[in-house]
Amino acid sequence: MISDQLRKMFTDEFAGTRKVLERVDFSKYDFKPHAKSFSFGDLSNHVANLPNWGMLMLKANEFRVNPGEKVAAYTTSKSSEELLERYDKATADFLAGLEGIDDAKMQEPWSFYVGDQLVFTMPRVAAIKNSVMKHMIHHRGQLTVYLRMNDIAVPGLYGPSADE
């Protein structure tokens, strides 16, 4: 089943992401490598919230966000302990939510809107891979750069890092 394959892929990627999140130094919350960049803390929170997006995708066939409106699945942590606790819960909930979802549901169209504007529609499985997994990996990579720029050891993700 597609959901079983996703569970395996996400289990591995979530573990790597947790290793990066464990190293976030909240005393450097406001650090930005560039004026257009997320702050260290905001980027960390964004990454930690991405599994919640997966749950939204499993529960409904569309998601609508209105410009300027806070997304209910997005919460902010101000400490490492809180961030990791929320991330662990979100990943466990998402992995449990994948259990038993049949292939037909995974192939159903899923749509994302900003206001009334359709951003995309694609099969749920593709939306989950793109909007959760690839999105998480992209921002996790940014976080490793923030770690390096702050002289914090970068964990190995697909093998050892220069710090291991």
Protein backbone atom coordinates (compact mmCIF):
# COMPACT_ATOMS: atom_id res chain seq x y z
CA MET A 1 0.00 0.00 0.00
CA ILE A 2 1.08 3.56 -0.71
CA SER A 3 0.52 4.55 2.91
CA ASP A 4 2.95 1.84 4.10
CA GLN A 5 5.63 3.14 1.73
CA LEU A 6 5.05 6.69 2.93
CA ARG A 7 5.28 5.61 6.58
CA LYS A 8 8.72 4.11 5.98
CA MET A 9 10.00 7.13 4.05
CA PHE A 10 8.64 9.60 6.60
CA THR A 11 9.91 7.61 9.58
CA ASP A 12 13.46 7.88 8.21
CA GLU A 13 13.19 11.56 7.26
CA PHE A 14 11.49 12.55 10.53
CA ALA A 15 14.38 10.97 12.47
CA GLY A 16 16.91 13.04 10.53
CA THR A 17 14.88 16.19 10.99
CA ARG A 18 14.68 15.58 14.73
CA LYS A 19 18.50 15.34 14.87
CA VAL A 20 18.70 18.82 13.34
CA LEU A 21 15.97 20.27 15.57
CA GLU A 22 17.76 18.90 18.66
CA ARG A 23 20.68 21.21 17.87
CA VAL A 24 18.70 24.44 17.52
CA ASP A 25 19.95 27.03 19.99
CA PHE A 26 16.97 29.13 21.07
CA SER A 27 19.29 31.80 22.46
CA LYS A 28 19.91 32.56 18.76
CA TYR A 29 16.15 32.66 17.93
CA ASP A 30 16.39 35.96 16.04
CA PHE A 31 19.50 35.09 13.97
CA LYS A 32 18.97 35.66 10.22
CA PRO A 33 21.66 35.09 7.60
CA HIS A 34 19.92 37.65 5.38
CA ALA A 35 17.16 40.24 5.77
CA LYS A 36 14.84 38.13 3.57
CA SER A 37 15.51 34.92 5.53
CA PHE A 38 13.45 33.29 8.24
CA SER A 39 14.88 33.78 11.71
CA PHE A 40 16.53 30.68 13.22
CA GLY A 41 13.57 30.26 15.59
CA ASP A 42 10.87 30.84 12.98
CA LEU A 43 12.52 28.40 10.55
CA SER A 44 12.81 25.79 13.30
CA ASN A 45 9.14 26.21 14.17
CA HIS A 46 8.17 25.98 10.51
CA VAL A 47 10.04 22.69 10.12
CA ALA A 48 8.55 21.32 13.35
CA ASN A 49 5.04 22.18 12.15
CA LEU A 50 5.23 20.47 8.76
CA PRO A 51 3.96 17.07 9.98
CA ASN A 52 0.76 18.89 11.01
CA TRP A 53 0.27 19.82 7.37
CA GLY A 54 0.36 16.11 6.59
CA MET A 55 -2.52 15.53 9.01
CA LEU A 56 -4.52 18.30 7.33
CA MET A 57 -3.94 16.55 4.01
CA LEU A 58 -5.14 13.22 5.36
CA LYS A 59 -8.31 14.65 6.90
CA ALA A 60 -9.70 16.73 4.02
CA ASN A 61 -9.51 17.01 0.25
CA GLU A 62 -8.48 20.66 0.32
CA PHE A 63 -6.89 23.31 2.46
CA ARG A 64 -7.61 27.02 2.31
CA VAL A 65 -5.48 29.68 3.90
CA ASN A 66 -6.42 33.33 3.84
CA PRO A 67 -3.65 35.90 3.55
CA GLY A 68 -2.83 37.38 6.95
CA GLU A 69 -4.72 34.67 8.82
CA LYS A 70 -2.87 32.40 11.25
CA VAL A 71 -3.03 28.74 10.25
CA ALA A 72 -4.40 26.62 13.13
CA ALA A 73 -1.82 23.88 12.53
CA TYR A 74 1.01 26.37 13.02
CA THR A 75 2.22 26.89 16.57
CA THR A 76 5.31 28.59 17.93
CA SER A 77 7.71 27.21 20.52
CA LYS A 78 10.18 29.33 22.44
CA SER A 79 12.33 26.51 23.81
CA SER A 80 14.06 23.43 22.48
CA GLU A 81 12.13 21.15 24.83
CA GLU A 82 8.77 22.54 23.71
CA LEU A 83 9.77 22.38 20.03
CA LEU A 84 10.86 18.74 20.26
CA GLU A 85 7.78 17.76 22.26
CA ARG A 86 5.48 19.29 19.63
CA TYR A 87 7.49 17.78 16.79
CA ASP A 88 7.42 14.31 18.35
CA LYS A 89 3.65 14.50 18.85
CA ALA A 90 3.06 15.80 15.31
CA THR A 91 5.21 13.10 13.71
CA ALA A 92 3.60 10.33 15.79
CA ASP A 93 0.11 11.60 14.93
CA PHE A 94 0.91 11.82 11.23
CA LEU A 95 2.50 8.36 11.08
CA ALA A 96 -0.49 6.90 12.94
CA GLY A 97 -2.82 8.76 10.59
CA LEU A 98 -1.22 7.05 7.60
CA GLU A 99 -2.06 3.59 8.95
CA GLY A 100 -4.66 1.79 6.92
CA ILE A 101 -5.31 4.52 4.37
CA ASP A 102 -6.13 2.74 1.16
CA ASP A 103 -4.55 3.49 -2.20
CA ALA A 104 -7.80 4.92 -3.60
CA LYS A 105 -7.82 7.68 -0.96
CA MET A 106 -4.14 8.39 -1.59
CA GLN A 107 -4.92 8.91 -5.30
CA GLU A 108 -7.85 11.30 -4.66
CA PRO A 109 -7.32 14.88 -5.82
CA TRP A 110 -6.12 17.23 -3.09
CA SER A 111 -6.21 21.02 -3.51
CA PHE A 112 -4.49 23.98 -1.88
CA TYR A 113 -5.97 27.48 -2.04
CA VAL A 114 -4.78 30.88 -0.93
CA GLY A 115 -7.97 32.84 -0.49
CA ASP A 116 -10.10 31.84 -3.46
CA GLN A 117 -7.07 31.26 -5.70
CA LEU A 118 -6.28 27.63 -6.47
CA VAL A 119 -2.53 27.07 -6.07
CA PHE A 120 -2.51 23.41 -7.07
CA THR A 121 -4.49 20.19 -7.28
CA MET A 122 -2.74 16.84 -7.39
CA PRO A 123 -3.20 13.32 -6.04
CA ARG A 124 -3.06 13.31 -2.21
CA VAL A 125 0.09 11.13 -2.24
CA ALA A 126 1.92 13.64 -4.47
CA ALA A 127 0.71 16.58 -2.37
CA ILE A 128 1.97 14.90 0.81
CA LYS A 129 5.35 14.10 -0.74
CA ASN A 130 5.77 17.62 -2.12
CA SER A 131 4.22 19.78 0.59
CA VAL A 132 5.41 17.83 3.60
CA MET A 133 8.43 15.65 2.78
CA LYS A 134 10.25 17.70 0.13
CA HIS A 135 9.30 20.94 1.88
CA MET A 136 10.68 19.59 5.18
CA ILE A 137 13.91 18.38 3.58
CA HIS A 138 14.39 21.77 1.89
CA HIS A 139 13.98 23.75 5.11
CA ARG A 140 15.95 21.19 7.13
CA GLY A 141 18.83 21.85 4.75
CA GLN A 142 18.50 25.57 5.44
CA LEU A 143 18.58 24.81 9.17
CA THR A 144 21.88 22.94 8.78
CA VAL A 145 23.34 26.09 7.21
CA TYR A 146 22.07 28.13 10.17
CA LEU A 147 23.73 25.62 12.51
CA ARG A 148 27.03 25.93 10.63
CA MET A 149 26.85 29.74 10.56
CA ASN A 150 26.39 29.71 14.35
CA ASP A 151 29.25 27.27 14.92
CA ILE A 152 26.88 24.52 16.07
CA ALA A 153 27.80 20.96 15.09
CA VAL A 154 25.80 19.72 12.10
CA PRO A 155 24.45 16.18 12.47
CA GLY A 156 24.91 13.62 9.75
CA LEU A 157 21.71 12.94 7.85
CA TYR A 158 22.56 10.51 5.05
CA GLY A 159 25.95 9.60 6.47
CA PRO A 160 28.42 11.38 8.74
CA SER A 161 28.84 15.15 8.63
CA ALA A 162 32.13 17.06 8.85
CA ASP A 163 31.40 17.36 12.58
CA GLU A 164 31.08 13.63 13.23
